[in-house]
């Protein structure tokens, strides 16, 4: 049988035994944010509290041109001409968080994603929000998020941060992915740079432009399986 005639349907195996419970916890957080957006206040919830969705966009490539782009030619070539060949100049990682209340994006563009880079982002959040606030962080499960260095930092800020973990293979539950998708469709699309440093500068500039007109992402379907 020819391989081209075989149909394959892809699926994602649940490798986290607590997948459903963790998914419900994340969705409850999103519902909580929506309730606050509607101005509803209820007993038992500490005030103030801010929710930030955090993740990493790894492997953003610094791709350079091998020849100059050619301008469009009216009546002949409507698009910019670009040589098929390109130069790989390396990659960077964008470690970012989005405030689910305001849409403001915090982002650090790094060469690596280790505990030190993650702690640097936590410190940015700590400096940004009022000192009496709780910062609730929706995040996944890399070792940098729970390393001894990160835990040592959290000990110095007791009660400041509250972790809500997405399940393994559940990164699609993290709303920062919507912001990463917007970056990929806008200022990162077709990007060509002369160096790693230029790529970093242009990513941060693009994020500044998004923050000038922030978008608040909402999770609209809450199938929690609970009352």
N, C-alpha and C. Protein backbone atom coordinates (compact mmCIF):
# COMPACT_ATOMS: atom_id res chain seq x y z
N UNK A 1 0.85 -1.19 0.00
CA UNK A 1 0.00 0.00 0.00
C UNK A 1 0.88 1.24 0.00
N UNK A 2 0.59 2.18 -0.85
CA UNK A 2 1.39 3.40 -0.92
C UNK A 2 1.19 4.21 0.35
N UNK A 3 2.31 4.77 0.86
CA UNK A 3 2.23 5.53 2.10
C UNK A 3 1.34 6.75 1.96
N UNK A 4 1.22 7.30 0.76
CA UNK A 4 0.42 8.50 0.57
C UNK A 4 -1.07 8.25 0.78
N UNK A 5 -1.49 6.98 0.76
CA UNK A 5 -2.91 6.66 0.93
C UNK A 5 -3.28 6.42 2.38
N UNK A 6 -2.30 6.37 3.27
CA UNK A 6 -2.56 6.12 4.68
C UNK A 6 -2.94 7.43 5.36
N UNK A 7 -4.04 7.41 6.08
CA UNK A 7 -4.48 8.58 6.83
C UNK A 7 -4.09 8.44 8.29
N UNK A 8 -3.53 9.49 8.85
CA UNK A 8 -3.09 9.49 10.24
C UNK A 8 -3.85 10.57 11.00
N UNK A 9 -4.42 10.20 12.13
CA UNK A 9 -5.07 11.17 13.00
C UNK A 9 -4.22 11.33 14.25
N UNK A 10 -3.74 12.54 14.52
CA UNK A 10 -2.85 12.78 15.64
C UNK A 10 -3.65 13.05 16.92
N UNK A 11 -3.09 12.66 18.03
CA UNK A 11 -3.68 12.96 19.33
C UNK A 11 -2.55 13.20 20.31
N UNK A 12 -2.90 13.74 21.47
CA UNK A 12 -1.91 14.01 22.51
C UNK A 12 -2.24 13.17 23.73
N UNK A 13 -1.36 12.25 24.07
CA UNK A 13 -1.58 11.38 25.22
C UNK A 13 -1.47 12.18 26.51
N UNK A 14 -2.40 11.94 27.43
CA UNK A 14 -2.34 12.58 28.73
C UNK A 14 -1.33 11.84 29.61
N UNK A 15 -0.17 12.46 29.83
CA UNK A 15 0.86 11.83 30.64
C UNK A 15 0.89 12.38 32.06
N UNK A 16 -0.04 13.26 32.38
CA UNK A 16 -0.14 13.81 33.72
C UNK A 16 -1.36 13.20 34.40
N UNK A 17 -1.17 12.37 35.42
CA UNK A 17 -2.32 11.73 36.07
C UNK A 17 -3.28 12.74 36.72
N UNK A 18 -2.79 13.95 36.98
CA UNK A 18 -3.62 14.99 37.58
C UNK A 18 -4.05 16.03 36.55
N UNK A 19 -4.08 15.63 35.27
CA UNK A 19 -4.38 16.58 34.20
C UNK A 19 -5.71 17.31 34.45
N UNK A 20 -6.78 16.55 34.71
CA UNK A 20 -8.10 17.16 34.85
C UNK A 20 -8.17 18.11 36.04
N UNK A 21 -7.57 17.69 37.15
CA UNK A 21 -7.59 18.55 38.34
C UNK A 21 -6.84 19.86 38.08
N UNK A 22 -5.65 19.76 37.49
CA UNK A 22 -4.87 20.97 37.22
C UNK A 22 -5.56 21.86 36.20
N UNK A 23 -6.18 21.25 35.19
CA UNK A 23 -6.91 22.04 34.20
C UNK A 23 -8.04 22.81 34.88
N UNK A 24 -8.77 22.16 35.77
CA UNK A 24 -9.85 22.83 36.49
C UNK A 24 -9.31 23.99 37.33
N UNK A 25 -8.15 23.79 37.95
CA UNK A 25 -7.57 24.87 38.77
C UNK A 25 -7.25 26.09 37.91
N UNK A 26 -6.68 25.84 36.72
CA UNK A 26 -6.35 26.95 35.83
C UNK A 26 -7.63 27.65 35.36
N UNK A 27 -8.64 26.89 34.97
CA UNK A 27 -9.87 27.49 34.49
C UNK A 27 -10.61 28.24 35.59
N UNK A 28 -10.51 27.76 36.83
CA UNK A 28 -11.09 28.49 37.95
C UNK A 28 -10.41 29.84 38.14
N UNK A 29 -9.10 29.87 37.93
CA UNK A 29 -8.37 31.14 37.99
C UNK A 29 -8.88 32.10 36.92
N UNK A 30 -9.05 31.59 35.70
CA UNK A 30 -9.54 32.45 34.62
C UNK A 30 -10.95 32.95 34.90
N UNK A 31 -11.78 32.09 35.48
CA UNK A 31 -13.13 32.53 35.83
C UNK A 31 -13.08 33.59 36.93
N UNK A 32 -12.15 33.41 37.85
CA UNK A 32 -11.95 34.38 38.93
C UNK A 32 -11.57 35.75 38.35
N UNK A 33 -10.67 35.75 37.36
CA UNK A 33 -10.27 37.00 36.71
C UNK A 33 -11.47 37.65 36.03
N UNK A 34 -12.30 36.85 35.37
CA UNK A 34 -13.48 37.38 34.69
C UNK A 34 -14.46 38.00 35.68
N UNK A 35 -14.60 37.38 36.85
CA UNK A 35 -15.49 37.91 37.87
C UNK A 35 -15.00 39.28 38.34
N UNK A 36 -13.70 39.41 38.55
CA UNK A 36 -13.14 40.69 38.95
C UNK A 36 -13.33 41.73 37.86
N UNK A 37 -13.24 41.31 36.60
CA UNK A 37 -13.43 42.25 35.50
C UNK A 37 -14.84 42.80 35.49
N UNK A 38 -15.79 42.03 35.99
CA UNK A 38 -17.18 42.46 36.05
C UNK A 38 -17.48 43.27 37.31
N UNK A 39 -16.45 43.46 38.15
CA UNK A 39 -16.62 44.27 39.34
C UNK A 39 -17.28 43.57 40.50
N UNK A 40 -17.34 42.24 40.46
CA UNK A 40 -17.96 41.49 41.54
C UNK A 40 -16.92 41.22 42.62
N UNK A 41 -17.27 41.51 43.86
CA UNK A 41 -16.38 41.25 45.00
C UNK A 41 -17.10 40.28 45.93
N UNK A 42 -16.38 39.26 46.36
CA UNK A 42 -17.00 38.29 47.25
C UNK A 42 -16.06 37.98 48.41
N UNK A 43 -16.63 37.47 49.49
CA UNK A 43 -15.87 37.25 50.72
C UNK A 43 -14.82 36.16 50.53
N UNK A 44 -13.75 36.30 51.28
CA UNK A 44 -12.75 35.26 51.35
C UNK A 44 -11.60 35.41 50.38
N UNK A 45 -11.71 36.29 49.38
CA UNK A 45 -10.63 36.46 48.41
C UNK A 45 -9.76 37.64 48.84
N UNK A 46 -8.45 37.41 49.05
CA UNK A 46 -7.58 38.53 49.46
C UNK A 46 -7.54 39.62 48.41
N UNK A 47 -7.41 40.85 48.87
CA UNK A 47 -7.35 42.00 47.98
C UNK A 47 -6.08 42.78 48.26
N UNK A 48 -5.42 43.34 47.28
CA UNK A 48 -5.66 43.07 45.86
C UNK A 48 -4.90 41.82 45.41
N UNK A 49 -5.30 41.30 44.28
CA UNK A 49 -4.60 40.15 43.70
C UNK A 49 -4.52 40.34 42.19
N UNK A 50 -3.35 40.06 41.63
CA UNK A 50 -3.13 40.21 40.20
C UNK A 50 -2.73 38.85 39.64
N UNK A 51 -3.22 38.54 38.45
CA UNK A 51 -2.94 37.26 37.82
C UNK A 51 -2.12 37.49 36.57
N UNK A 52 -0.99 36.78 36.47
CA UNK A 52 -0.08 36.92 35.35
C UNK A 52 0.18 35.55 34.75
N UNK A 53 -0.02 35.43 33.45
CA UNK A 53 0.23 34.19 32.73
C UNK A 53 1.64 34.23 32.16
N UNK A 54 2.47 33.26 32.52
CA UNK A 54 3.90 33.28 32.22
C UNK A 54 4.31 32.04 31.43
N UNK A 55 5.16 32.24 30.43
CA UNK A 55 5.75 31.12 29.71
C UNK A 55 6.93 31.64 28.90
N UNK A 56 7.58 30.71 28.21
CA UNK A 56 8.75 31.04 27.39
C UNK A 56 8.45 30.72 25.93
N UNK A 57 8.88 31.61 25.05
CA UNK A 57 8.88 31.31 23.61
C UNK A 57 10.34 31.06 23.22
N UNK A 58 10.75 29.79 23.16
CA UNK A 58 12.16 29.48 22.90
C UNK A 58 12.47 29.46 21.41
N UNK A 59 13.75 29.49 21.10
CA UNK A 59 14.21 29.24 19.74
C UNK A 59 13.76 30.25 18.71
N UNK A 60 13.62 31.53 19.11
CA UNK A 60 13.30 32.57 18.11
C UNK A 60 14.57 32.81 17.30
N UNK A 61 14.52 32.54 16.01
CA UNK A 61 15.71 32.56 15.19
C UNK A 61 16.09 33.96 14.71
N UNK A 62 17.37 34.25 14.81
CA UNK A 62 17.92 35.47 14.21
C UNK A 62 18.39 35.10 12.81
N UNK A 63 17.56 35.39 11.83
CA UNK A 63 17.85 35.00 10.44
C UNK A 63 18.25 36.24 9.66
N UNK A 64 19.36 36.13 8.94
CA UNK A 64 19.86 37.25 8.16
C UNK A 64 19.76 37.01 6.66
N UNK A 65 19.78 38.09 5.92
CA UNK A 65 19.71 38.02 4.46
C UNK A 65 21.08 37.70 3.86
N UNK A 66 21.07 37.00 2.75
CA UNK A 66 22.29 36.78 1.98
C UNK A 66 22.40 37.76 0.81
N UNK A 67 21.28 38.42 0.50
CA UNK A 67 21.24 39.40 -0.58
C UNK A 67 20.15 40.41 -0.23
N UNK A 68 20.24 41.63 -0.73
CA UNK A 68 19.24 42.64 -0.39
C UNK A 68 17.85 42.26 -0.89
N UNK A 69 16.82 42.65 -0.12
CA UNK A 69 15.45 42.51 -0.60
C UNK A 69 15.24 43.42 -1.81
N UNK A 70 14.41 42.95 -2.73
CA UNK A 70 14.10 43.73 -3.93
C UNK A 70 12.72 44.36 -3.77
N UNK A 71 12.58 45.64 -4.09
CA UNK A 71 11.28 46.31 -3.92
C UNK A 71 10.26 45.80 -4.92
N UNK A 72 8.99 45.95 -4.62
CA UNK A 72 7.95 45.57 -5.59
C UNK A 72 8.07 46.40 -6.88
N UNK A 73 7.67 45.79 -7.98
CA UNK A 73 7.67 46.47 -9.28
C UNK A 73 6.22 46.59 -9.74
N UNK A 74 5.69 47.81 -9.81
CA UNK A 74 4.28 47.98 -10.21
C UNK A 74 3.98 47.31 -11.55
N UNK A 75 2.90 46.53 -11.57
CA UNK A 75 2.48 45.86 -12.79
C UNK A 75 3.26 44.61 -13.12
N UNK A 76 4.27 44.28 -12.29
CA UNK A 76 5.10 43.12 -12.59
C UNK A 76 5.25 42.21 -11.36
N UNK A 77 5.77 42.74 -10.27
CA UNK A 77 5.94 41.97 -9.04
C UNK A 77 5.31 42.77 -7.90
N UNK A 78 4.19 42.24 -7.38
CA UNK A 78 3.48 42.98 -6.32
C UNK A 78 4.14 42.84 -4.96
N UNK A 79 4.93 41.78 -4.78
CA UNK A 79 5.52 41.50 -3.47
C UNK A 79 7.00 41.88 -3.46
N UNK A 80 7.52 42.01 -2.25
CA UNK A 80 8.96 42.19 -2.08
C UNK A 80 9.68 40.92 -2.50
N UNK A 81 10.77 41.06 -3.24
CA UNK A 81 11.57 39.91 -3.63
C UNK A 81 12.63 39.60 -2.59
N UNK A 82 12.73 38.34 -2.24
CA UNK A 82 13.71 37.94 -1.22
C UNK A 82 14.41 36.67 -1.66
N UNK A 83 15.72 36.66 -1.52
CA UNK A 83 16.51 35.49 -1.88
C UNK A 83 16.14 34.31 -0.97
N UNK A 84 16.08 33.11 -1.56
CA UNK A 84 15.70 31.93 -0.79
C UNK A 84 16.71 31.59 0.30
N UNK A 85 17.97 31.87 0.06
CA UNK A 85 18.99 31.53 1.04
C UNK A 85 18.99 32.54 2.19
N UNK A 86 19.43 32.06 3.35
CA UNK A 86 19.48 32.95 4.51
C UNK A 86 20.62 32.51 5.42
N UNK A 87 20.94 33.34 6.37
CA UNK A 87 22.01 33.08 7.33
C UNK A 87 21.41 32.89 8.71
N UNK A 88 21.79 31.83 9.39
CA UNK A 88 21.35 31.62 10.77
C UNK A 88 22.36 32.26 11.72
N UNK A 89 21.90 33.18 12.53
CA UNK A 89 22.79 33.89 13.44
C UNK A 89 22.62 33.46 14.90
N UNK A 90 21.79 32.46 15.13
CA UNK A 90 21.56 31.99 16.49
C UNK A 90 20.10 32.15 16.89
N UNK A 91 19.81 31.86 18.13
CA UNK A 91 18.44 31.95 18.63
C UNK A 91 18.40 32.65 19.98
N UNK A 92 17.21 33.16 20.32
CA UNK A 92 16.98 33.75 21.64
C UNK A 92 15.69 33.17 22.19
N UNK A 93 15.49 33.35 23.47
CA UNK A 93 14.26 32.95 24.14
C UNK A 93 13.58 34.18 24.72
N UNK A 94 12.28 34.27 24.49
CA UNK A 94 11.50 35.36 25.07
C UNK A 94 10.74 34.82 26.27
N UNK A 95 11.12 35.25 27.45
CA UNK A 95 10.45 34.86 28.68
C UNK A 95 9.49 35.98 29.03
N UNK A 96 8.19 35.67 29.03
CA UNK A 96 7.21 36.73 29.13
C UNK A 96 6.04 36.36 30.03
N UNK A 97 5.37 37.39 30.51
CA UNK A 97 4.15 37.24 31.27
C UNK A 97 3.16 38.29 30.82
N UNK A 98 1.87 37.96 30.84
CA UNK A 98 0.83 38.92 30.49
C UNK A 98 -0.13 39.08 31.66
N UNK A 99 -0.35 40.32 32.04
CA UNK A 99 -1.32 40.64 33.08
C UNK A 99 -2.71 40.38 32.52
N UNK A 100 -3.43 39.43 33.10
CA UNK A 100 -4.72 39.04 32.55
C UNK A 100 -5.82 40.07 32.84
N UNK A 101 -5.51 41.07 33.65
CA UNK A 101 -6.47 42.12 33.93
C UNK A 101 -6.33 43.29 32.96
N UNK A 102 -5.10 43.63 32.61
CA UNK A 102 -4.85 44.83 31.79
C UNK A 102 -4.32 44.52 30.39
N UNK A 103 -3.77 43.31 30.18
CA UNK A 103 -3.15 42.97 28.91
C UNK A 103 -1.70 43.40 28.80
N UNK A 104 -1.16 44.03 29.85
CA UNK A 104 0.24 44.47 29.80
C UNK A 104 1.17 43.27 29.76
N UNK A 105 2.17 43.32 28.89
CA UNK A 105 3.12 42.23 28.73
C UNK A 105 4.46 42.62 29.34
N UNK A 106 4.99 41.75 30.17
CA UNK A 106 6.35 41.86 30.68
C UNK A 106 7.20 40.87 29.88
N UNK A 107 8.35 41.30 29.39
CA UNK A 107 9.16 40.37 28.60
C UNK A 107 10.64 40.65 28.77
N UNK A 108 11.38 39.59 28.93
CA UNK A 108 12.84 39.63 28.90
C UNK A 108 13.30 38.73 27.76
N UNK A 109 14.18 39.23 26.94
CA UNK A 109 14.71 38.44 25.83
C UNK A 109 16.10 37.97 26.23
N UNK A 110 16.26 36.66 26.32
CA UNK A 110 17.48 36.08 26.89
C UNK A 110 18.12 35.10 25.92
N UNK A 111 19.42 34.84 26.15
CA UNK A 111 20.10 33.80 25.39
C UNK A 111 19.74 32.41 25.89
N UNK A 112 19.38 32.33 27.18
CA UNK A 112 19.04 31.05 27.78
C UNK A 112 17.87 31.21 28.72
N UNK A 113 17.29 30.08 29.15
CA UNK A 113 16.22 30.11 30.14
C UNK A 113 16.63 29.22 31.30
N UNK A 114 17.23 29.86 32.29
CA UNK A 114 17.65 29.16 33.50
C UNK A 114 16.94 29.80 34.69
N UNK A 115 17.28 29.35 35.88
CA UNK A 115 16.67 29.92 37.07
C UNK A 115 16.94 31.42 37.17
N UNK A 116 18.15 31.83 36.83
CA UNK A 116 18.50 33.25 36.98
C UNK A 116 17.64 34.13 36.08
N UNK A 117 17.34 33.65 34.87
CA UNK A 117 16.47 34.43 33.98
C UNK A 117 15.03 34.46 34.48
N UNK A 118 14.57 33.33 35.01
CA UNK A 118 13.20 33.29 35.52
C UNK A 118 13.06 34.17 36.75
N UNK A 119 14.04 34.13 37.63
CA UNK A 119 14.01 34.98 38.82
C UNK A 119 14.00 36.45 38.43
N UNK A 120 14.73 36.80 37.36
CA UNK A 120 14.74 38.18 36.89
C UNK A 120 13.34 38.63 36.49
N UNK A 121 12.56 37.74 35.87
CA UNK A 121 11.19 38.09 35.50
C UNK A 121 10.32 38.24 36.75
N UNK A 122 10.48 37.34 37.73
CA UNK A 122 9.73 37.47 38.97
C UNK A 122 10.03 38.79 39.66
N UNK A 123 11.29 39.21 39.62
CA UNK A 123 11.66 40.49 40.24
C UNK A 123 11.00 41.66 39.53
N UNK A 124 10.86 41.58 38.21
CA UNK A 124 10.15 42.63 37.47
C UNK A 124 8.70 42.72 37.93
N UNK A 125 8.06 41.55 38.09
CA UNK A 125 6.68 41.55 38.57
C UNK A 125 6.60 42.12 39.99
N UNK A 126 7.55 41.75 40.82
CA UNK A 126 7.58 42.22 42.20
C UNK A 126 7.70 43.74 42.26
N UNK A 127 8.52 44.31 41.38
CA UNK A 127 8.71 45.76 41.36
C UNK A 127 7.50 46.50 40.78
N UNK A 128 6.76 45.82 39.90
CA UNK A 128 5.69 46.48 39.16
C UNK A 128 4.42 46.64 40.01
N UNK A 129 4.08 45.62 40.79
CA UNK A 129 2.80 45.61 41.49
C UNK A 129 2.92 46.20 42.89
N UNK A 130 1.79 46.69 43.43
CA UNK A 130 1.81 47.24 44.80
C UNK A 130 2.36 46.23 45.79
N UNK A 131 3.10 46.70 46.79
CA UNK A 131 3.78 45.77 47.71
C UNK A 131 2.83 44.89 48.51
N UNK A 132 1.58 45.34 48.69
CA UNK A 132 0.64 44.54 49.48
C UNK A 132 -0.09 43.50 48.64
N UNK A 133 0.13 43.49 47.33
CA UNK A 133 -0.63 42.61 46.44
C UNK A 133 -0.08 41.19 46.43
N UNK A 134 -0.97 40.25 46.12
CA UNK A 134 -0.57 38.88 45.81
C UNK A 134 -0.45 38.77 44.29
N UNK A 135 0.63 38.18 43.82
CA UNK A 135 0.84 37.98 42.39
C UNK A 135 0.63 36.50 42.10
N UNK A 136 -0.46 36.22 41.43
CA UNK A 136 -0.81 34.84 41.10
C UNK A 136 -0.26 34.53 39.71
N UNK A 137 0.59 33.52 39.61
CA UNK A 137 1.31 33.23 38.38
C UNK A 137 0.84 31.89 37.81
N UNK A 138 0.28 31.93 36.60
CA UNK A 138 -0.08 30.71 35.87
C UNK A 138 1.13 30.33 35.03
N UNK A 139 1.64 29.12 35.23
CA UNK A 139 2.89 28.73 34.57
C UNK A 139 2.96 27.22 34.43
N UNK A 140 3.92 26.78 33.58
CA UNK A 140 4.09 25.34 33.38
C UNK A 140 5.16 24.80 34.32
N UNK A 141 5.79 23.68 33.94
CA UNK A 141 6.54 22.91 34.92
C UNK A 141 8.05 22.77 34.70
N UNK A 142 8.73 23.67 33.97
CA UNK A 142 10.17 23.52 33.83
C UNK A 142 10.89 23.60 35.18
N UNK A 143 12.06 23.00 35.23
CA UNK A 143 12.80 22.95 36.49
C UNK A 143 13.16 24.34 37.01
N UNK A 144 13.34 25.31 36.10
CA UNK A 144 13.72 26.67 36.53
C UNK A 144 12.66 27.30 37.41
N UNK A 145 11.40 26.88 37.26
CA UNK A 145 10.32 27.49 38.02
C UNK A 145 10.28 27.00 39.47
N UNK A 146 10.89 25.84 39.73
CA UNK A 146 10.86 25.28 41.09
C UNK A 146 12.26 24.88 41.55
N UNK A 147 13.29 25.43 40.93
CA UNK A 147 14.66 25.09 41.30
C UNK A 147 14.98 25.61 42.70
N UNK A 148 16.07 25.15 43.26
CA UNK A 148 16.44 25.61 44.60
C UNK A 148 16.74 27.10 44.60
N UNK A 149 17.28 27.61 43.47
CA UNK A 149 17.57 29.04 43.39
C UNK A 149 16.27 29.85 43.38
N UNK A 150 15.29 29.37 42.60
CA UNK A 150 14.00 30.07 42.53
C UNK A 150 13.28 29.99 43.87
N UNK A 151 13.26 28.83 44.48
CA UNK A 151 12.60 28.69 45.78
C UNK A 151 13.28 29.55 46.84
N UNK A 152 14.60 29.69 46.75
CA UNK A 152 15.31 30.55 47.70
C UNK A 152 14.87 32.00 47.53
N UNK A 153 14.65 32.42 46.28
CA UNK A 153 14.16 33.78 46.06
C UNK A 153 12.75 33.94 46.61
N UNK A 154 11.87 32.96 46.36
CA UNK A 154 10.49 33.06 46.82
C UNK A 154 10.42 33.14 48.34
N UNK A 155 11.33 32.49 49.02
CA UNK A 155 11.36 32.55 50.49
C UNK A 155 11.58 33.97 50.96
N UNK A 156 12.31 34.76 50.19
CA UNK A 156 12.58 36.15 50.58
C UNK A 156 11.36 37.04 50.38
N UNK A 157 10.34 36.54 49.69
CA UNK A 157 9.11 37.31 49.41
C UNK A 157 7.90 36.49 49.88
N UNK A 158 7.82 36.18 51.17
CA UNK A 158 6.75 35.28 51.66
C UNK A 158 5.36 35.84 51.35
N UNK A 159 4.51 34.96 50.82
CA UNK A 159 3.15 35.34 50.52
C UNK A 159 2.97 36.22 49.30
N UNK A 160 4.04 36.55 48.62
CA UNK A 160 3.97 37.47 47.49
C UNK A 160 3.49 36.78 46.22
N UNK A 161 4.00 35.56 45.96
CA UNK A 161 3.68 34.85 44.73
C UNK A 161 2.85 33.61 45.04
N UNK A 162 1.89 33.36 44.16
CA UNK A 162 1.05 32.16 44.26
C UNK A 162 1.10 31.45 42.91
N UNK A 163 1.63 30.23 42.89
CA UNK A 163 1.77 29.46 41.66
C UNK A 163 0.48 28.70 41.35
N UNK A 164 0.10 28.71 40.08
CA UNK A 164 -0.95 27.83 39.56
C UNK A 164 -0.37 27.13 38.35
N UNK A 165 -0.11 25.83 38.46
CA UNK A 165 0.58 25.09 37.40
C UNK A 165 -0.41 24.54 36.37
N UNK A 166 -0.08 24.71 35.10
CA UNK A 166 -0.79 23.98 34.05
C UNK A 166 -0.34 22.52 34.08
N UNK A 167 -1.17 21.59 33.63
CA UNK A 167 -0.73 20.19 33.57
C UNK A 167 0.32 19.99 32.50
N UNK A 168 1.06 18.90 32.61
CA UNK A 168 2.01 18.55 31.56
C UNK A 168 1.26 18.36 30.25
N UNK A 169 1.87 18.83 29.17
CA UNK A 169 1.25 18.81 27.84
C UNK A 169 -0.02 19.66 27.82
N UNK A 170 -0.07 20.66 28.69
CA UNK A 170 -1.24 21.53 28.73
C UNK A 170 -0.87 22.98 28.52
N UNK A 171 0.18 23.24 27.74
CA UNK A 171 0.61 24.62 27.54
C UNK A 171 -0.46 25.44 26.84
N UNK A 172 -1.35 24.77 26.09
CA UNK A 172 -2.44 25.48 25.40
C UNK A 172 -3.42 26.12 26.38
N UNK A 173 -3.36 25.72 27.65
CA UNK A 173 -4.20 26.34 28.67
C UNK A 173 -3.66 27.68 29.15
N UNK A 174 -2.43 28.00 28.76
CA UNK A 174 -1.78 29.20 29.27
C UNK A 174 -2.05 30.36 28.30
N UNK A 175 -2.70 31.41 28.79
CA UNK A 175 -3.14 32.49 27.91
C UNK A 175 -2.00 33.32 27.34
N UNK A 176 -0.80 33.22 27.89
CA UNK A 176 0.33 33.92 27.27
C UNK A 176 0.59 33.39 25.87
N UNK A 177 0.14 32.16 25.59
CA UNK A 177 0.32 31.60 24.24
C UNK A 177 -0.43 32.44 23.21
N UNK A 178 -1.53 33.08 23.60
CA UNK A 178 -2.24 33.96 22.68
C UNK A 178 -1.37 35.16 22.32
N UNK A 179 -0.64 35.69 23.30
CA UNK A 179 0.26 36.81 23.03
C UNK A 179 1.42 36.37 22.15
N UNK A 180 1.96 35.18 22.40
CA UNK A 180 3.04 34.67 21.54
C UNK A 180 2.55 34.50 20.10
N UNK A 181 1.32 34.03 19.94
CA UNK A 181 0.76 33.87 18.60
C UNK A 181 0.65 35.23 17.91
N UNK A 182 0.24 36.25 18.66
CA UNK A 182 0.13 37.58 18.07
C UNK A 182 1.51 38.09 17.64
N UNK A 183 2.53 37.84 18.45
CA UNK A 183 3.89 38.25 18.08
C UNK A 183 4.32 37.57 16.78
N UNK A 184 4.04 36.25 16.68
CA UNK A 184 4.44 35.50 15.50
C UNK A 184 3.74 36.00 14.25
N UNK A 185 2.51 36.49 14.40
CA UNK A 185 1.74 36.96 13.24
C UNK A 185 1.99 38.42 12.89
N UNK A 186 2.71 39.14 13.76
CA UNK A 186 2.93 40.56 13.52
C UNK A 186 4.42 40.85 13.35
N UNK A 187 5.08 41.33 14.39
CA UNK A 187 6.44 41.84 14.20
C UNK A 187 7.51 40.76 14.01
N UNK A 188 7.19 39.49 14.35
CA UNK A 188 8.17 38.43 14.10
C UNK A 188 8.02 37.80 12.72
N UNK A 189 6.92 38.08 12.04
CA UNK A 189 6.67 37.46 10.75
C UNK A 189 7.64 38.01 9.70
N UNK A 190 8.33 37.11 9.02
CA UNK A 190 9.27 37.46 7.94
C UNK A 190 10.45 38.31 8.43
N UNK A 191 10.72 38.30 9.74
CA UNK A 191 11.75 39.19 10.26
C UNK A 191 13.14 38.73 9.80
N UNK A 192 13.97 39.69 9.41
CA UNK A 192 15.37 39.46 9.05
C UNK A 192 16.22 40.47 9.80
N UNK A 193 17.31 40.00 10.38
CA UNK A 193 18.15 40.87 11.22
C UNK A 193 19.62 40.65 10.90
N UNK A 194 20.42 41.62 11.31
CA UNK A 194 21.85 41.53 11.08
C UNK A 194 22.62 40.92 12.22
N UNK A 195 21.97 40.76 13.39
CA UNK A 195 22.67 40.22 14.56
C UNK A 195 21.66 39.77 15.60
N UNK A 196 22.15 39.02 16.59
CA UNK A 196 21.33 38.63 17.73
C UNK A 196 20.84 39.86 18.47
N UNK A 197 21.71 40.83 18.66
CA UNK A 197 21.33 42.03 19.40
C UNK A 197 20.23 42.80 18.69
N UNK A 198 20.27 42.84 17.37
CA UNK A 198 19.20 43.51 16.63
C UNK A 198 17.87 42.78 16.84
N UNK A 199 17.91 41.45 16.84
CA UNK A 199 16.70 40.69 17.07
C UNK A 199 16.12 41.00 18.45
N UNK A 200 16.96 41.03 19.47
CA UNK A 200 16.49 41.34 20.82
C UNK A 200 15.84 42.72 20.86
N UNK A 201 16.49 43.69 20.23
CA UNK A 201 15.97 45.06 20.22
C UNK A 201 14.62 45.12 19.54
N UNK A 202 14.48 44.43 18.43
CA UNK A 202 13.22 44.49 17.67
C UNK A 202 12.09 43.76 18.38
N UNK A 203 12.42 42.68 19.10
CA UNK A 203 11.39 41.99 19.89
C UNK A 203 10.87 42.92 20.99
N UNK A 204 11.79 43.55 21.71
CA UNK A 204 11.37 44.45 22.79
C UNK A 204 10.59 45.65 22.26
N UNK A 205 10.99 46.15 21.09
CA UNK A 205 10.25 47.25 20.48
C UNK A 205 8.85 46.81 20.09
N UNK A 206 8.73 45.60 19.53
CA UNK A 206 7.42 45.08 19.17
C UNK A 206 6.52 44.92 20.37
N UNK A 207 7.08 44.47 21.49
CA UNK A 207 6.29 44.31 22.71
C UNK A 207 5.86 45.68 23.25
N UNK A 208 6.76 46.66 23.16
CA UNK A 208 6.38 48.02 23.57
C UNK A 208 5.20 48.53 22.74
N UNK A 209 5.20 48.22 21.46
CA UNK A 209 4.10 48.66 20.58
C UNK A 209 2.79 47.96 20.96
N UNK A 210 2.88 46.68 21.33
CA UNK A 210 1.67 45.97 21.78
C UNK A 210 1.16 46.59 23.08
N UNK A 211 2.08 46.92 23.99
CA UNK A 211 1.68 47.49 25.27
C UNK A 211 1.08 48.89 25.12
N UNK A 212 1.39 49.56 24.01
CA UNK A 212 0.79 50.87 23.78
C UNK A 212 -0.71 50.75 23.53
N UNK A 213 -1.15 49.60 23.01
CA UNK A 213 -2.58 49.32 22.81
C UNK A 213 -2.84 47.88 23.26
N UNK A 214 -2.80 47.62 24.56
CA UNK A 214 -2.83 46.24 25.05
C UNK A 214 -4.15 45.54 24.76
N UNK A 215 -4.06 44.23 24.63
CA UNK A 215 -5.23 43.38 24.40
C UNK A 215 -5.41 42.49 25.63
N UNK A 216 -6.61 42.48 26.18
CA UNK A 216 -6.92 41.61 27.31
C UNK A 216 -7.51 40.31 26.77
N UNK A 217 -6.82 39.20 26.98
CA UNK A 217 -7.30 37.90 26.52
C UNK A 217 -8.17 37.27 27.61
N UNK A 218 -9.27 36.68 27.18
CA UNK A 218 -10.20 36.03 28.11
C UNK A 218 -10.45 34.59 27.66
N UNK A 219 -10.59 33.71 28.65
CA UNK A 219 -11.00 32.33 28.39
C UNK A 219 -12.52 32.30 28.50
N UNK A 220 -13.20 31.99 27.42
CA UNK A 220 -14.64 32.18 27.36
C UNK A 220 -15.46 30.94 27.70
N UNK A 221 -14.87 29.75 27.60
CA UNK A 221 -15.63 28.53 27.87
C UNK A 221 -15.09 27.89 29.15
N UNK A 222 -15.95 27.77 30.15
CA UNK A 222 -15.54 27.21 31.43
C UNK A 222 -16.29 25.91 31.68
N UNK A 223 -15.79 24.83 31.08
CA UNK A 223 -16.36 23.50 31.31
C UNK A 223 -15.58 22.85 32.44
N UNK A 224 -15.95 23.23 33.68
CA UNK A 224 -15.14 22.87 34.83
C UNK A 224 -15.51 21.52 35.43
N UNK A 225 -16.69 21.05 35.15
CA UNK A 225 -17.12 19.81 35.78
C UNK A 225 -17.41 19.97 37.26
N UNK A 226 -17.54 21.22 37.71
CA UNK A 226 -17.86 21.47 39.11
C UNK A 226 -18.96 22.51 39.16
N UNK A 227 -19.65 22.56 40.30
CA UNK A 227 -20.72 23.53 40.47
C UNK A 227 -20.12 24.79 41.05
